[in-house]
Amino acid sequence: MASLGDLVVNLKANSSQFISAMKNAEGGLSNFSQMVIGLATGAAGAGMLKLAADAETLGVQFKVLLGSASGAKKMIAEIDQFAATTPFAKMDIAAAGQTLLAFKFNADDVLPTLKSMGNIGAATGAQIGDLATILGRAMATGKVQGEALNQLIERRVPILDELANVTGFASSEIFKMASA
């Protein structure tokens, strides 16, 4: 049977091993923490570079679509301001704006249209880029076709009810006219 002295010696030996193991673990965690901080810093730097590249790309794209650097700068500032108050990402809003401009929307009409589409998208879950494409196609052809109505209905936009309210025609009549 072990004596009290043996237990004390054994306990001291085991506790010093335990303390040594804890110090090693602490040192390992410190090294791990430094590695994680280094990776996070690198990722943040890469993210900042991407943001800068995206901003430059947007500037060039809007300059081409609008024909001037000042118009591009103004449009991007308006998109920045709108993006700060909406659930949509700046790049998604910018892409939707570019789509509208490609479909020959007047530059002054782009932001109000984006805001309307943003409201619809927020209420229905529809993507603002999808709505811009559907609207742009309708505006380019000069009429709302059955396909566009179907695309809006698939995105939970109650377009037939709204058109019925505006025109006074029944929803079924509107759909027939759009399909003709």
N, C-alpha and C. Protein backbone atom coordinates (compact mmCIF):
# COMPACT_ATOMS: atom_id res chain seq x y z
N MET A 1 0.84 -1.18 0.00
CA MET A 1 0.00 0.00 0.00
C MET A 1 0.88 1.24 0.00
N ALA A 2 0.45 2.26 -0.76
CA ALA A 2 1.25 3.48 -0.88
C ALA A 2 1.13 4.30 0.38
N SER A 3 2.26 4.92 0.76
CA SER A 3 2.26 5.76 1.95
C SER A 3 1.85 7.17 1.55
N LEU A 4 1.56 7.94 2.55
CA LEU A 4 1.18 9.33 2.33
C LEU A 4 2.30 10.07 1.62
N GLY A 5 3.53 9.80 1.96
CA GLY A 5 4.68 10.44 1.31
C GLY A 5 4.75 10.08 -0.16
N ASP A 6 4.46 8.80 -0.49
CA ASP A 6 4.46 8.38 -1.90
C ASP A 6 3.39 9.13 -2.68
N LEU A 7 2.21 9.31 -2.07
CA LEU A 7 1.12 10.02 -2.74
C LEU A 7 1.49 11.48 -2.99
N VAL A 8 2.12 12.12 -2.00
CA VAL A 8 2.51 13.52 -2.16
C VAL A 8 3.53 13.66 -3.27
N VAL A 9 4.54 12.77 -3.29
CA VAL A 9 5.56 12.80 -4.34
C VAL A 9 4.92 12.55 -5.69
N ASN A 10 4.03 11.57 -5.77
CA ASN A 10 3.35 11.22 -7.01
C ASN A 10 2.47 12.39 -7.49
N LEU A 11 1.73 12.99 -6.54
CA LEU A 11 0.85 14.11 -6.87
C LEU A 11 1.66 15.31 -7.38
N LYS A 12 2.81 15.58 -6.70
CA LYS A 12 3.66 16.69 -7.15
C LYS A 12 4.21 16.42 -8.54
N ALA A 13 4.63 15.21 -8.80
CA ALA A 13 5.18 14.86 -10.11
C ALA A 13 4.09 15.01 -11.17
N ASN A 14 2.90 14.50 -10.88
CA ASN A 14 1.80 14.58 -11.86
C ASN A 14 1.35 16.02 -12.06
N SER A 15 1.30 16.81 -10.99
CA SER A 15 0.86 18.20 -11.14
C SER A 15 1.89 19.00 -11.91
N SER A 16 3.17 18.73 -11.72
CA SER A 16 4.18 19.47 -12.49
C SER A 16 4.10 19.08 -13.96
N GLN A 17 3.78 17.81 -14.26
CA GLN A 17 3.58 17.40 -15.65
C GLN A 17 2.35 18.09 -16.24
N PHE A 18 1.29 18.17 -15.41
CA PHE A 18 0.07 18.82 -15.85
C PHE A 18 0.32 20.30 -16.14
N ILE A 19 1.02 20.97 -15.23
CA ILE A 19 1.33 22.40 -15.42
C ILE A 19 2.19 22.58 -16.66
N SER A 20 3.13 21.71 -16.86
CA SER A 20 4.00 21.78 -18.04
C SER A 20 3.17 21.60 -19.32
N ALA A 21 2.24 20.66 -19.29
CA ALA A 21 1.39 20.42 -20.45
C ALA A 21 0.51 21.64 -20.72
N MET A 22 -0.01 22.27 -19.68
CA MET A 22 -0.84 23.46 -19.83
C MET A 22 -0.04 24.61 -20.43
N LYS A 23 1.20 24.76 -19.97
CA LYS A 23 2.05 25.83 -20.52
C LYS A 23 2.34 25.58 -22.00
N ASN A 24 2.57 24.32 -22.36
CA ASN A 24 2.79 23.98 -23.76
C ASN A 24 1.54 24.28 -24.59
N ALA A 25 0.38 23.93 -24.03
CA ALA A 25 -0.88 24.19 -24.74
C ALA A 25 -1.09 25.69 -24.89
N GLU A 26 -0.79 26.44 -23.83
CA GLU A 26 -0.93 27.90 -23.89
C GLU A 26 -0.03 28.48 -24.97
N GLY A 27 1.20 28.00 -25.04
CA GLY A 27 2.12 28.47 -26.07
C GLY A 27 1.62 28.11 -27.45
N GLY A 28 1.07 26.91 -27.59
CA GLY A 28 0.51 26.48 -28.87
C GLY A 28 -0.67 27.34 -29.26
N LEU A 29 -1.53 27.67 -28.28
CA LEU A 29 -2.68 28.53 -28.55
C LEU A 29 -2.23 29.92 -28.95
N SER A 30 -1.20 30.42 -28.31
CA SER A 30 -0.68 31.74 -28.65
C SER A 30 -0.19 31.75 -30.10
N ASN A 31 0.55 30.70 -30.48
CA ASN A 31 1.02 30.61 -31.86
C ASN A 31 -0.16 30.49 -32.83
N PHE A 32 -1.15 29.68 -32.43
CA PHE A 32 -2.34 29.51 -33.25
C PHE A 32 -3.09 30.83 -33.39
N SER A 33 -3.24 31.55 -32.29
CA SER A 33 -3.92 32.85 -32.31
C SER A 33 -3.20 33.82 -33.24
N GLN A 34 -1.87 33.83 -33.17
CA GLN A 34 -1.11 34.72 -34.04
C GLN A 34 -1.31 34.34 -35.50
N MET A 35 -1.38 33.04 -35.77
CA MET A 35 -1.58 32.58 -37.14
C MET A 35 -2.97 33.01 -37.63
N VAL A 36 -3.99 32.84 -36.78
CA VAL A 36 -5.35 33.22 -37.16
C VAL A 36 -5.43 34.73 -37.40
N ILE A 37 -4.82 35.51 -36.54
CA ILE A 37 -4.81 36.97 -36.71
C ILE A 37 -4.11 37.34 -38.01
N GLY A 38 -3.01 36.67 -38.31
CA GLY A 38 -2.30 36.93 -39.56
C GLY A 38 -3.16 36.59 -40.77
N LEU A 39 -3.86 35.46 -40.71
CA LEU A 39 -4.73 35.08 -41.83
C LEU A 39 -5.88 36.06 -41.97
N ALA A 40 -6.47 36.47 -40.85
CA ALA A 40 -7.58 37.42 -40.90
C ALA A 40 -7.13 38.76 -41.47
N THR A 41 -5.96 39.20 -41.07
CA THR A 41 -5.42 40.46 -41.59
C THR A 41 -5.19 40.36 -43.09
N GLY A 42 -4.65 39.22 -43.52
CA GLY A 42 -4.43 39.00 -44.96
C GLY A 42 -5.74 38.97 -45.72
N ALA A 43 -6.75 38.30 -45.15
CA ALA A 43 -8.06 38.23 -45.80
C ALA A 43 -8.70 39.61 -45.87
N ALA A 44 -8.56 40.39 -44.81
CA ALA A 44 -9.11 41.75 -44.81
C ALA A 44 -8.42 42.60 -45.88
N GLY A 45 -7.12 42.45 -45.98
CA GLY A 45 -6.38 43.19 -47.00
C GLY A 45 -6.82 42.79 -48.40
N ALA A 46 -7.01 41.49 -48.61
CA ALA A 46 -7.48 41.02 -49.92
C ALA A 46 -8.88 41.54 -50.20
N GLY A 47 -9.71 41.58 -49.14
CA GLY A 47 -11.06 42.12 -49.30
C GLY A 47 -11.04 43.59 -49.67
N MET A 48 -10.13 44.34 -49.06
CA MET A 48 -10.02 45.76 -49.37
C MET A 48 -9.57 45.96 -50.82
N LEU A 49 -8.64 45.12 -51.27
CA LEU A 49 -8.18 45.20 -52.66
C LEU A 49 -9.33 44.89 -53.62
N LYS A 50 -10.14 43.90 -53.28
CA LYS A 50 -11.27 43.55 -54.13
C LYS A 50 -12.27 44.69 -54.18
N LEU A 51 -12.55 45.31 -53.04
CA LEU A 51 -13.47 46.46 -53.03
C LEU A 51 -12.96 47.58 -53.91
N ALA A 52 -11.68 47.85 -53.83
CA ALA A 52 -11.08 48.91 -54.66
C ALA A 52 -11.18 48.54 -56.14
N ALA A 53 -10.91 47.28 -56.46
CA ALA A 53 -11.00 46.83 -57.85
C ALA A 53 -12.44 46.90 -58.35
N ASP A 54 -13.39 46.50 -57.49
CA ASP A 54 -14.81 46.57 -57.87
C ASP A 54 -15.23 48.01 -58.12
N ALA A 55 -14.79 48.93 -57.27
CA ALA A 55 -15.14 50.34 -57.44
C ALA A 55 -14.58 50.89 -58.74
N GLU A 56 -13.37 50.52 -59.05
CA GLU A 56 -12.76 50.99 -60.31
C GLU A 56 -13.50 50.41 -61.51
N THR A 57 -13.84 49.13 -61.44
CA THR A 57 -14.57 48.47 -62.52
C THR A 57 -15.93 49.13 -62.72
N LEU A 58 -16.64 49.38 -61.62
CA LEU A 58 -17.94 50.06 -61.72
C LEU A 58 -17.79 51.42 -62.39
N GLY A 59 -16.78 52.15 -62.01
CA GLY A 59 -16.56 53.46 -62.60
C GLY A 59 -16.39 53.38 -64.11
N VAL A 60 -15.61 52.42 -64.55
CA VAL A 60 -15.37 52.26 -66.00
C VAL A 60 -16.66 51.83 -66.70
N GLN A 61 -17.38 50.87 -66.09
CA GLN A 61 -18.61 50.37 -66.72
C GLN A 61 -19.66 51.48 -66.85
N PHE A 62 -19.86 52.23 -65.77
CA PHE A 62 -20.85 53.30 -65.84
C PHE A 62 -20.39 54.43 -66.77
N LYS A 63 -19.10 54.67 -66.85
CA LYS A 63 -18.59 55.69 -67.77
C LYS A 63 -18.94 55.30 -69.21
N VAL A 64 -18.77 54.02 -69.53
CA VAL A 64 -19.09 53.56 -70.89
C VAL A 64 -20.59 53.69 -71.15
N LEU A 65 -21.41 53.27 -70.19
CA LEU A 65 -22.86 53.30 -70.38
C LEU A 65 -23.43 54.72 -70.40
N LEU A 66 -22.84 55.62 -69.61
CA LEU A 66 -23.36 56.98 -69.50
C LEU A 66 -22.64 57.98 -70.40
N GLY A 67 -21.46 57.61 -70.85
CA GLY A 67 -20.71 58.48 -71.75
C GLY A 67 -19.89 59.56 -71.07
N SER A 68 -19.85 59.56 -69.73
CA SER A 68 -19.03 60.56 -69.05
C SER A 68 -18.60 60.07 -67.68
N ALA A 69 -17.43 60.52 -67.27
CA ALA A 69 -16.91 60.16 -65.95
C ALA A 69 -17.73 60.82 -64.85
N SER A 70 -18.18 62.06 -65.09
CA SER A 70 -18.97 62.76 -64.07
C SER A 70 -20.33 62.08 -63.88
N GLY A 71 -20.93 61.64 -64.97
CA GLY A 71 -22.20 60.92 -64.87
C GLY A 71 -22.03 59.60 -64.14
N ALA A 72 -20.92 58.93 -64.41
CA ALA A 72 -20.63 57.66 -63.74
C ALA A 72 -20.44 57.88 -62.24
N LYS A 73 -19.68 58.92 -61.90
CA LYS A 73 -19.42 59.23 -60.49
C LYS A 73 -20.73 59.54 -59.75
N LYS A 74 -21.60 60.32 -60.39
CA LYS A 74 -22.88 60.68 -59.80
C LYS A 74 -23.74 59.42 -59.60
N MET A 75 -23.80 58.56 -60.62
CA MET A 75 -24.62 57.35 -60.54
C MET A 75 -24.11 56.44 -59.42
N ILE A 76 -22.82 56.27 -59.32
CA ILE A 76 -22.25 55.40 -58.28
C ILE A 76 -22.53 55.98 -56.89
N ALA A 77 -22.46 57.28 -56.75
CA ALA A 77 -22.76 57.91 -55.46
C ALA A 77 -24.22 57.66 -55.08
N GLU A 78 -25.12 57.76 -56.05
CA GLU A 78 -26.54 57.50 -55.79
C GLU A 78 -26.77 56.04 -55.42
N ILE A 79 -26.07 55.15 -56.10
CA ILE A 79 -26.19 53.72 -55.79
C ILE A 79 -25.64 53.43 -54.40
N ASP A 80 -24.52 54.05 -54.05
CA ASP A 80 -23.95 53.88 -52.70
C ASP A 80 -24.97 54.29 -51.64
N GLN A 81 -25.59 55.43 -51.85
CA GLN A 81 -26.56 55.95 -50.90
C GLN A 81 -27.77 55.01 -50.80
N PHE A 82 -28.24 54.52 -51.94
CA PHE A 82 -29.38 53.60 -51.96
C PHE A 82 -29.01 52.26 -51.31
N ALA A 83 -27.82 51.76 -51.59
CA ALA A 83 -27.38 50.47 -51.04
C ALA A 83 -27.32 50.50 -49.52
N ALA A 84 -27.06 51.67 -48.96
CA ALA A 84 -26.97 51.79 -47.51
C ALA A 84 -28.33 51.64 -46.82
N THR A 85 -29.42 51.76 -47.59
CA THR A 85 -30.75 51.73 -46.99
C THR A 85 -31.60 50.56 -47.48
N THR A 86 -31.00 49.60 -48.13
CA THR A 86 -31.76 48.50 -48.73
C THR A 86 -31.08 47.17 -48.41
N PRO A 87 -31.82 46.07 -48.46
CA PRO A 87 -31.20 44.77 -48.19
C PRO A 87 -30.36 44.25 -49.36
N PHE A 88 -30.37 44.94 -50.48
CA PHE A 88 -29.62 44.48 -51.65
C PHE A 88 -28.18 44.95 -51.59
N ALA A 89 -27.28 44.13 -52.10
CA ALA A 89 -25.86 44.47 -52.13
C ALA A 89 -25.60 45.53 -53.21
N LYS A 90 -24.61 46.35 -52.93
CA LYS A 90 -24.25 47.44 -53.86
C LYS A 90 -23.99 46.90 -55.26
N MET A 91 -23.26 45.81 -55.36
CA MET A 91 -22.90 45.28 -56.68
C MET A 91 -24.14 44.77 -57.42
N ASP A 92 -25.12 44.23 -56.70
CA ASP A 92 -26.36 43.78 -57.32
C ASP A 92 -27.18 44.98 -57.82
N ILE A 93 -27.21 46.02 -57.02
CA ILE A 93 -27.93 47.24 -57.42
C ILE A 93 -27.24 47.86 -58.64
N ALA A 94 -25.92 47.91 -58.60
CA ALA A 94 -25.16 48.49 -59.72
C ALA A 94 -25.41 47.69 -61.00
N ALA A 95 -25.39 46.36 -60.89
CA ALA A 95 -25.63 45.52 -62.07
C ALA A 95 -27.04 45.75 -62.62
N ALA A 96 -28.03 45.89 -61.73
CA ALA A 96 -29.40 46.17 -62.18
C ALA A 96 -29.46 47.53 -62.87
N GLY A 97 -28.76 48.52 -62.32
CA GLY A 97 -28.71 49.84 -62.96
C GLY A 97 -28.06 49.77 -64.33
N GLN A 98 -27.01 49.00 -64.45
CA GLN A 98 -26.35 48.83 -65.74
C GLN A 98 -27.28 48.16 -66.75
N THR A 99 -28.06 47.20 -66.26
CA THR A 99 -29.03 46.53 -67.14
C THR A 99 -30.04 47.54 -67.67
N LEU A 100 -30.56 48.38 -66.79
CA LEU A 100 -31.52 49.40 -67.22
C LEU A 100 -30.90 50.34 -68.23
N LEU A 101 -29.68 50.78 -67.98
CA LEU A 101 -29.00 51.67 -68.92
C LEU A 101 -28.75 50.98 -70.26
N ALA A 102 -28.41 49.69 -70.23
CA ALA A 102 -28.20 48.94 -71.48
C ALA A 102 -29.50 48.85 -72.29
N PHE A 103 -30.63 48.84 -71.59
CA PHE A 103 -31.93 48.83 -72.26
C PHE A 103 -32.40 50.25 -72.60
N LYS A 104 -31.48 51.20 -72.53
CA LYS A 104 -31.70 52.59 -72.95
C LYS A 104 -32.62 53.39 -72.02
N PHE A 105 -32.63 53.05 -70.73
CA PHE A 105 -33.34 53.89 -69.77
C PHE A 105 -32.60 55.21 -69.65
N ASN A 106 -33.32 56.28 -69.44
CA ASN A 106 -32.74 57.58 -69.19
C ASN A 106 -32.01 57.51 -67.85
N ALA A 107 -30.83 58.07 -67.78
CA ALA A 107 -30.02 58.02 -66.55
C ALA A 107 -30.78 58.58 -65.35
N ASP A 108 -31.59 59.62 -65.58
CA ASP A 108 -32.35 60.21 -64.47
C ASP A 108 -33.45 59.30 -63.95
N ASP A 109 -33.87 58.32 -64.76
CA ASP A 109 -34.93 57.40 -64.35
C ASP A 109 -34.39 56.14 -63.68
N VAL A 110 -33.08 55.92 -63.75
CA VAL A 110 -32.51 54.67 -63.25
C VAL A 110 -32.69 54.53 -61.74
N LEU A 111 -32.30 55.51 -60.97
CA LEU A 111 -32.37 55.37 -59.51
C LEU A 111 -33.81 55.25 -59.02
N PRO A 112 -34.76 56.09 -59.48
CA PRO A 112 -36.15 55.88 -59.04
C PRO A 112 -36.68 54.50 -59.42
N THR A 113 -36.28 54.00 -60.59
CA THR A 113 -36.71 52.67 -61.01
C THR A 113 -36.08 51.60 -60.13
N LEU A 114 -34.80 51.76 -59.81
CA LEU A 114 -34.13 50.82 -58.91
C LEU A 114 -34.81 50.80 -57.54
N LYS A 115 -35.20 51.97 -57.06
CA LYS A 115 -35.88 52.04 -55.75
C LYS A 115 -37.21 51.31 -55.80
N SER A 116 -37.97 51.50 -56.86
CA SER A 116 -39.25 50.79 -57.00
C SER A 116 -39.03 49.28 -57.07
N MET A 117 -38.06 48.89 -57.88
CA MET A 117 -37.75 47.46 -57.99
C MET A 117 -37.23 46.92 -56.66
N GLY A 118 -36.47 47.71 -55.94
CA GLY A 118 -35.98 47.30 -54.63
C GLY A 118 -37.13 47.06 -53.66
N ASN A 119 -38.12 47.94 -53.69
CA ASN A 119 -39.30 47.77 -52.83
C ASN A 119 -40.05 46.49 -53.19
N ILE A 120 -40.22 46.26 -54.48
CA ILE A 120 -40.90 45.05 -54.94
C ILE A 120 -40.09 43.81 -54.54
N GLY A 121 -38.79 43.87 -54.77
CA GLY A 121 -37.93 42.75 -54.43
C GLY A 121 -37.91 42.45 -52.94
N ALA A 122 -37.88 43.50 -52.14
CA ALA A 122 -37.87 43.31 -50.68
C ALA A 122 -39.18 42.68 -50.21
N ALA A 123 -40.28 43.07 -50.85
CA ALA A 123 -41.59 42.55 -50.44
C ALA A 123 -41.84 41.13 -50.94
N THR A 124 -41.25 40.78 -52.08
CA THR A 124 -41.56 39.48 -52.70
C THR A 124 -40.42 38.47 -52.65
N GLY A 125 -39.23 38.95 -52.40
CA GLY A 125 -38.06 38.06 -52.43
C GLY A 125 -37.42 37.97 -53.81
N ALA A 126 -37.96 38.70 -54.77
CA ALA A 126 -37.39 38.69 -56.13
C ALA A 126 -36.05 39.42 -56.13
N GLN A 127 -35.15 38.96 -56.98
CA GLN A 127 -33.84 39.60 -57.11
C GLN A 127 -33.97 40.85 -57.97
N ILE A 128 -33.32 41.91 -57.55
CA ILE A 128 -33.42 43.18 -58.25
C ILE A 128 -32.88 43.08 -59.69
N GLY A 129 -31.88 42.25 -59.90
CA GLY A 129 -31.34 42.07 -61.25
C GLY A 129 -32.34 41.40 -62.18
N ASP A 130 -33.08 40.41 -61.65
CA ASP A 130 -34.11 39.75 -62.46
C ASP A 130 -35.20 40.74 -62.86
N LEU A 131 -35.61 41.55 -61.89
CA LEU A 131 -36.65 42.54 -62.18
C LEU A 131 -36.18 43.55 -63.22
N ALA A 132 -34.93 43.96 -63.14
CA ALA A 132 -34.38 44.91 -64.12
C ALA A 132 -34.39 44.32 -65.52
N THR A 133 -34.03 43.05 -65.63
CA THR A 133 -34.02 42.39 -66.94
C THR A 133 -35.43 42.28 -67.51
N ILE A 134 -36.38 41.87 -66.69
CA ILE A 134 -37.77 41.73 -67.15
C ILE A 134 -38.32 43.09 -67.58
N LEU A 135 -38.11 44.11 -66.76
CA LEU A 135 -38.60 45.45 -67.09
C LEU A 135 -37.90 46.00 -68.33
N GLY A 136 -36.60 45.81 -68.41
CA GLY A 136 -35.85 46.29 -69.57
C GLY A 136 -36.34 45.68 -70.87
N ARG A 137 -36.60 44.38 -70.85
CA ARG A 137 -37.12 43.71 -72.06
C ARG A 137 -38.50 44.26 -72.44
N ALA A 138 -39.35 44.46 -71.43
CA ALA A 138 -40.69 44.99 -71.71
C ALA A 138 -40.59 46.40 -72.30
N MET A 139 -39.72 47.21 -71.74
CA MET A 139 -39.57 48.57 -72.26
C MET A 139 -38.97 48.58 -73.66
N ALA A 140 -38.06 47.65 -73.93
CA ALA A 140 -37.42 47.59 -75.25
C ALA A 140 -38.42 47.19 -76.33
N THR A 141 -39.34 46.30 -76.00
CA THR A 141 -40.32 45.86 -77.00
C THR A 141 -41.53 46.79 -77.07
N GLY A 142 -41.70 47.62 -76.05
CA GLY A 142 -42.83 48.54 -76.05
C GLY A 142 -44.12 47.93 -75.54
N LYS A 143 -44.07 46.66 -75.12
CA LYS A 143 -45.28 46.07 -74.55
C LYS A 143 -44.90 44.96 -73.57
N VAL A 144 -45.81 44.70 -72.67
CA VAL A 144 -45.60 43.62 -71.71
C VAL A 144 -46.16 42.35 -72.33
N GLN A 145 -45.29 41.40 -72.55
CA GLN A 145 -45.71 40.14 -73.17
C GLN A 145 -46.03 39.11 -72.08
N GLY A 146 -46.72 38.07 -72.49
CA GLY A 146 -47.12 37.02 -71.55
C GLY A 146 -45.94 36.43 -70.80
N GLU A 147 -44.81 36.29 -71.48
CA GLU A 147 -43.61 35.74 -70.84
C GLU A 147 -43.16 36.62 -69.67
N ALA A 148 -43.19 37.93 -69.87
CA ALA A 148 -42.79 38.86 -68.80
C ALA A 148 -43.76 38.76 -67.63
N LEU A 149 -45.05 38.67 -67.91
CA LEU A 149 -46.03 38.52 -66.84
C LEU A 149 -45.77 37.23 -66.06
N ASN A 150 -45.53 36.15 -66.80
CA ASN A 150 -45.24 34.87 -66.14
C ASN A 150 -44.00 34.96 -65.26
N GLN A 151 -42.96 35.62 -65.77
CA GLN A 151 -41.73 35.76 -64.99
C GLN A 151 -41.97 36.55 -63.70
N LEU A 152 -42.77 37.58 -63.79
CA LEU A 152 -43.07 38.37 -62.60
C LEU A 152 -43.94 37.58 -61.62
N ILE A 153 -44.92 36.86 -62.15
CA ILE A 153 -45.78 36.04 -61.29
C ILE A 153 -44.96 34.96 -60.60
N GLU A 154 -44.02 34.34 -61.34
CA GLU A 154 -43.14 33.32 -60.74
C GLU A 154 -42.32 33.90 -59.60
N ARG A 155 -42.05 35.19 -59.65
CA ARG A 155 -41.28 35.86 -58.60
C ARG A 155 -42.19 36.47 -57.53
N ARG A 156 -43.43 36.07 -57.53
CA ARG A 156 -44.43 36.47 -56.53
C ARG A 156 -44.80 37.95 -56.60
N VAL A 157 -44.59 38.56 -57.76
CA VAL A 157 -44.98 39.96 -57.96
C VAL A 157 -46.44 39.94 -58.44
N PRO A 158 -47.36 40.57 -57.71
CA PRO A 158 -48.79 40.55 -58.08
C PRO A 158 -49.10 41.51 -59.24
N ILE A 159 -48.45 41.29 -60.35
CA ILE A 159 -48.52 42.22 -61.47
C ILE A 159 -49.91 42.27 -62.11
N LEU A 160 -50.59 41.13 -62.21
CA LEU A 160 -51.91 41.13 -62.84
C LEU A 160 -52.90 41.97 -62.04
N ASP A 161 -52.87 41.85 -60.74
CA ASP A 161 -53.76 42.65 -59.90
C ASP A 161 -53.47 44.14 -60.04
N GLU A 162 -52.18 44.48 -60.08
CA GLU A 162 -51.80 45.89 -60.22
C GLU A 162 -52.22 46.45 -61.58
N LEU A 163 -52.00 45.67 -62.64
CA LEU A 163 -52.41 46.12 -63.97
C LEU A 163 -53.93 46.23 -64.05
N ALA A 164 -54.64 45.32 -63.42
CA ALA A 164 -56.11 45.39 -63.41
C ALA A 164 -56.57 46.67 -62.70
N ASN A 165 -55.92 47.01 -61.59
CA ASN A 165 -56.27 48.25 -60.88
C ASN A 165 -56.01 49.49 -61.72
N VAL A 166 -54.92 49.48 -62.45
CA VAL A 166 -54.53 50.65 -63.24
C VAL A 166 -55.36 50.79 -64.51
N THR A 167 -55.62 49.66 -65.16
CA THR A 167 -56.30 49.72 -66.46
C THR A 167 -57.81 49.57 -66.39
N GLY A 168 -58.30 48.92 -65.33
CA GLY A 168 -59.74 48.65 -65.24
C GLY A 168 -60.14 47.36 -65.93
N PHE A 169 -59.20 46.68 -66.58
CA PHE A 169 -59.49 45.39 -67.20
C PHE A 169 -59.33 44.28 -66.17
N ALA A 170 -60.04 43.18 -66.40
CA ALA A 170 -59.90 42.01 -65.53
C ALA A 170 -58.53 41.38 -65.76
N SER A 171 -58.01 40.72 -64.76
CA SER A 171 -56.70 40.07 -64.85
C SER A 171 -56.64 39.10 -66.02
N SER A 172 -57.70 38.35 -66.23
CA SER A 172 -57.72 37.38 -67.33
C SER A 172 -57.63 38.08 -68.69
N GLU A 173 -58.29 39.24 -68.82
CA GLU A 173 -58.21 40.00 -70.07
C GLU A 173 -56.80 40.52 -70.31
N ILE A 174 -56.17 40.99 -69.25
CA ILE A 174 -54.80 41.51 -69.37
C ILE A 174 -53.86 40.41 -69.84
N PHE A 175 -54.00 39.24 -69.26
CA PHE A 175 -53.14 38.13 -69.66
C PHE A 175 -53.37 37.74 -71.12
N LYS A 176 -54.62 37.76 -71.56
CA LYS A 176 -54.94 37.43 -72.97
C LYS A 176 -54.32 38.47 -73.90
N MET A 177 -54.42 39.75 -73.53
CA MET A 177 -53.83 40.82 -74.36
C MET A 177 -52.31 40.68 -74.45
N ALA A 178 -51.69 40.31 -73.34
CA ALA A 178 -50.22 40.19 -73.31
C ALA A 178 -49.77 38.96 -74.09
N SER A 179 -50.63 37.97 -74.21
CA SER A 179 -50.26 36.74 -74.92
C SER A 179 -50.55 36.82 -76.40
N ALA A 180 -51.26 37.85 -76.84
CA ALA A 180 -51.62 37.98 -78.26
C ALA A 180 -50.47 38.47 -79.09
